[in-house]
Amino acid sequence: MRTLLITDIHGDTDNLEKIIEKEDFEAILCAGDLSDAREFDDYEGKLEEVLDLFDKKDKLVKAVPGNMDPEEACVKALRERRINLHRKIGSFDGFEAVGYGGGITPFGTPFEPSGEEIKTTVETLSQRMKSDTRLAVIHQPPSDCDLDIADGEHVGSPEVRELLEESEFDLVLTGHIHESRGRDSFNGTVAVNPGPVMEGYYAVAEIGDGIAVEMKEL
């Protein structure tokens, strides 16, 4: 199943539309920061613009909020579109995905769950997954890896790292740290930050008997 992997849109509908129009795909997974409560006075209006673009191709979409998405408002909108993956399991053709949004910063952003909350919730949900191919969508990256470096420092979550080292996920989509676009692995679990949509970055995953990920940009 050809799946767009995107994150950190921050309301950039121009780049999002270009990506959606450029690629052939069957599904979208989004790891958060769809709109941006610090950037837009009308957070919910901009969020709806983003979600309208998701609807444009009539494909299966699942998303979680980021730290710049107020949890309650964002999840409400995602539920209304039936695309919420936050604290949920989503079923796709040949795989399942589980999600958790939000991320820690020094800035007191709208949605900052603890690492322990993320780990406990995703662990519990993962025990209910039935597919042989399992993905996770977690906005907050794991600590001490190639995906959590901001200003030269590792700023990821130790609990998310423990989760990935102890889990049996085939692929984890993350984001949050714009400058840490790339991939890493944890005991066989591949983690990918495709880079922020607002800077023209994304990835495409071919998910079948195995998973092949291609990092792409506009």
Foldseek 3Di string as FASTA:
>chain_A
DKEWEAEAQQLVLVLVLVVVVVDDGQEYEYQANQHAVVPDVPRLVSSVSSVVSVPPVVHQYAYAYELRDQRPSNQVVCVVVPRYQALHWDDDVQEIEHEHYYDDDPPPGRGHDALVVVLVSVVVRVVVTDGPAYEYRYAFDAFDDLQQADPNHTDGHPSVLVSQQPDDHQEYEYENRQVSADWDHHNNYIYGDLHHSNQFWIWIWDDDPHIDIDTDGD
